[in-house]
């Protein structure tokens, strides 16, 4: 699970992961609008990869 910002683009929704994801870094929750649900063991995802997303606020 990655904390992310969310933006509407012409080709669909885009998420950008917060730069710091540690469990002790609560400041990354301030700008987070979604959680990207990445399966364990998936490794690094490239730009444009599709992921499931859980919204944190109403859009």
N, C-alpha and C. Protein backbone atom coordinates (compact mmCIF):
# COMPACT_ATOMS: atom_id res chain seq x y z
N UNK A 1 0.86 -1.18 0.00
CA UNK A 1 0.00 0.00 0.00
C UNK A 1 0.90 1.23 0.00
N UNK A 2 0.67 2.11 -0.97
CA UNK A 2 1.45 3.35 -1.09
C UNK A 2 0.53 4.56 -0.98
N UNK A 3 0.92 5.54 -0.18
CA UNK A 3 0.18 6.80 -0.10
C UNK A 3 0.48 7.60 -1.36
N UNK A 4 -0.58 8.16 -1.98
CA UNK A 4 -0.42 8.82 -3.28
C UNK A 4 -1.25 10.08 -3.39
N UNK A 5 -0.80 10.95 -4.30
CA UNK A 5 -1.66 12.06 -4.74
C UNK A 5 -2.43 11.56 -5.96
N UNK A 6 -3.49 12.23 -6.29
CA UNK A 6 -4.38 11.78 -7.37
C UNK A 6 -4.68 12.95 -8.27
N UNK A 7 -4.64 12.73 -9.59
CA UNK A 7 -4.97 13.80 -10.53
C UNK A 7 -5.74 13.23 -11.71
N UNK A 8 -6.66 14.03 -12.23
CA UNK A 8 -7.44 13.66 -13.41
C UNK A 8 -6.69 14.15 -14.64
N UNK A 9 -6.36 13.25 -15.53
CA UNK A 9 -5.65 13.57 -16.77
C UNK A 9 -6.54 13.20 -17.95
N UNK A 10 -6.24 13.69 -19.16
CA UNK A 10 -7.07 13.37 -20.32
C UNK A 10 -7.23 11.87 -20.58
N UNK A 11 -6.21 11.09 -20.23
CA UNK A 11 -6.29 9.65 -20.47
C UNK A 11 -6.73 8.85 -19.25
N UNK A 12 -7.18 9.52 -18.19
CA UNK A 12 -7.68 8.83 -16.99
C UNK A 12 -7.03 9.36 -15.73
N UNK A 13 -7.28 8.68 -14.63
CA UNK A 13 -6.73 9.06 -13.33
C UNK A 13 -5.27 8.65 -13.24
N UNK A 14 -4.46 9.51 -12.63
CA UNK A 14 -3.05 9.22 -12.41
C UNK A 14 -2.76 9.36 -10.92
N UNK A 15 -1.96 8.44 -10.39
CA UNK A 15 -1.50 8.55 -9.00
C UNK A 15 0.01 8.74 -8.99
N UNK A 16 0.47 9.52 -8.04
CA UNK A 16 1.90 9.74 -7.85
C UNK A 16 2.21 9.41 -6.40
N UNK A 17 3.08 8.43 -6.17
CA UNK A 17 3.38 8.05 -4.79
C UNK A 17 4.06 9.18 -4.02
N UNK A 18 3.75 9.27 -2.74
CA UNK A 18 4.44 10.22 -1.87
C UNK A 18 5.91 9.82 -1.82
N UNK A 19 6.82 10.78 -1.73
CA UNK A 19 8.25 10.45 -1.76
C UNK A 19 8.73 9.61 -0.58
N UNK A 20 8.12 9.78 0.59
CA UNK A 20 8.54 9.02 1.77
C UNK A 20 7.36 8.19 2.25
N UNK A 21 7.55 6.87 2.35
CA UNK A 21 6.46 5.96 2.65
C UNK A 21 6.59 5.25 4.00
N UNK A 22 7.61 5.55 4.79
CA UNK A 22 7.80 4.86 6.06
C UNK A 22 6.60 4.99 6.98
N UNK A 23 6.36 3.96 7.78
CA UNK A 23 5.21 3.96 8.68
C UNK A 23 5.28 5.07 9.72
N UNK A 24 6.48 5.57 10.00
CA UNK A 24 6.66 6.63 11.00
C UNK A 24 6.54 8.03 10.39
N UNK A 25 6.37 8.12 9.07
CA UNK A 25 6.30 9.42 8.39
C UNK A 25 4.84 9.77 8.12
N UNK A 26 4.24 10.44 9.06
CA UNK A 26 2.82 10.78 8.94
C UNK A 26 2.58 11.98 8.05
N UNK A 27 3.61 12.79 7.79
CA UNK A 27 3.41 13.96 6.93
C UNK A 27 3.01 13.58 5.51
N UNK A 28 3.37 12.38 5.06
CA UNK A 28 2.98 11.97 3.71
C UNK A 28 1.48 11.74 3.61
N UNK A 29 0.79 11.61 4.74
CA UNK A 29 -0.67 11.47 4.72
C UNK A 29 -1.36 12.80 4.45
N UNK A 30 -0.68 13.93 4.71
CA UNK A 30 -1.31 15.23 4.54
C UNK A 30 -1.74 15.49 3.10
N UNK A 31 -0.92 15.13 2.13
CA UNK A 31 -1.26 15.36 0.73
C UNK A 31 -1.85 14.15 0.05
N UNK A 32 -1.94 13.03 0.76
CA UNK A 32 -2.43 11.80 0.15
C UNK A 32 -3.93 11.89 -0.12
N UNK A 33 -4.33 11.52 -1.31
CA UNK A 33 -5.73 11.48 -1.69
C UNK A 33 -6.19 10.06 -2.02
N UNK A 34 -5.20 9.14 -2.08
CA UNK A 34 -5.52 7.76 -2.43
C UNK A 34 -4.42 6.84 -1.90
N UNK A 35 -4.76 5.56 -1.84
CA UNK A 35 -3.80 4.51 -1.54
C UNK A 35 -3.70 3.62 -2.77
N UNK A 36 -2.50 3.42 -3.28
CA UNK A 36 -2.28 2.49 -4.39
C UNK A 36 -2.06 1.11 -3.77
N UNK A 37 -2.84 0.14 -4.21
CA UNK A 37 -2.77 -1.21 -3.67
C UNK A 37 -1.88 -2.06 -4.57
N UNK A 38 -0.64 -2.25 -4.16
CA UNK A 38 0.34 -2.98 -4.95
C UNK A 38 0.56 -4.34 -4.30
N UNK A 39 0.38 -5.43 -5.05
CA UNK A 39 0.56 -6.77 -4.47
C UNK A 39 1.98 -6.97 -3.93
N UNK A 40 2.10 -7.67 -2.81
CA UNK A 40 3.40 -7.98 -2.22
C UNK A 40 4.26 -8.73 -3.24
N UNK A 41 5.53 -8.40 -3.28
CA UNK A 41 6.45 -9.07 -4.19
C UNK A 41 6.41 -8.54 -5.61
N UNK A 42 5.62 -7.51 -5.86
CA UNK A 42 5.48 -6.95 -7.21
C UNK A 42 6.76 -6.25 -7.66
N UNK A 43 7.55 -5.76 -6.71
CA UNK A 43 8.77 -5.05 -7.06
C UNK A 43 8.46 -3.64 -7.50
N UNK A 44 9.42 -3.01 -8.15
CA UNK A 44 9.26 -1.62 -8.59
C UNK A 44 8.34 -1.56 -9.81
N UNK A 45 7.39 -0.64 -9.77
CA UNK A 45 6.48 -0.46 -10.90
C UNK A 45 6.96 0.70 -11.76
N UNK A 46 6.88 0.53 -13.05
CA UNK A 46 7.28 1.59 -13.97
C UNK A 46 6.17 2.61 -14.16
N UNK A 47 6.54 3.75 -14.71
CA UNK A 47 5.57 4.79 -15.03
C UNK A 47 4.53 4.23 -15.99
N UNK A 48 3.27 4.51 -15.71
CA UNK A 48 2.19 4.02 -16.56
C UNK A 48 1.62 2.68 -16.13
N UNK A 49 2.19 2.07 -15.10
CA UNK A 49 1.65 0.79 -14.60
C UNK A 49 0.26 1.00 -14.03
N UNK A 50 -0.60 0.03 -14.22
CA UNK A 50 -1.96 0.11 -13.68
C UNK A 50 -1.98 -0.54 -12.29
N UNK A 51 -2.66 0.15 -11.37
CA UNK A 51 -2.79 -0.37 -10.01
C UNK A 51 -4.21 -0.13 -9.51
N UNK A 52 -4.63 -0.93 -8.56
CA UNK A 52 -5.91 -0.69 -7.88
C UNK A 52 -5.70 0.46 -6.91
N UNK A 53 -6.74 1.29 -6.74
CA UNK A 53 -6.63 2.48 -5.91
C UNK A 53 -7.82 2.56 -4.96
N UNK A 54 -7.55 2.94 -3.72
CA UNK A 54 -8.59 3.20 -2.72
C UNK A 54 -8.57 4.70 -2.43
N UNK A 55 -9.68 5.39 -2.72
CA UNK A 55 -9.75 6.83 -2.48
C UNK A 55 -9.84 7.12 -0.99
N UNK A 56 -9.16 8.18 -0.55
CA UNK A 56 -9.20 8.59 0.85
C UNK A 56 -10.17 9.74 1.09
N UNK A 57 -10.55 10.45 0.04
CA UNK A 57 -11.49 11.55 0.17
C UNK A 57 -12.43 11.54 -1.03
N UNK A 58 -13.54 12.22 -0.92
CA UNK A 58 -14.50 12.23 -2.03
C UNK A 58 -13.98 13.10 -3.16
N UNK A 59 -14.11 12.59 -4.36
CA UNK A 59 -13.67 13.31 -5.54
C UNK A 59 -14.88 13.54 -6.36
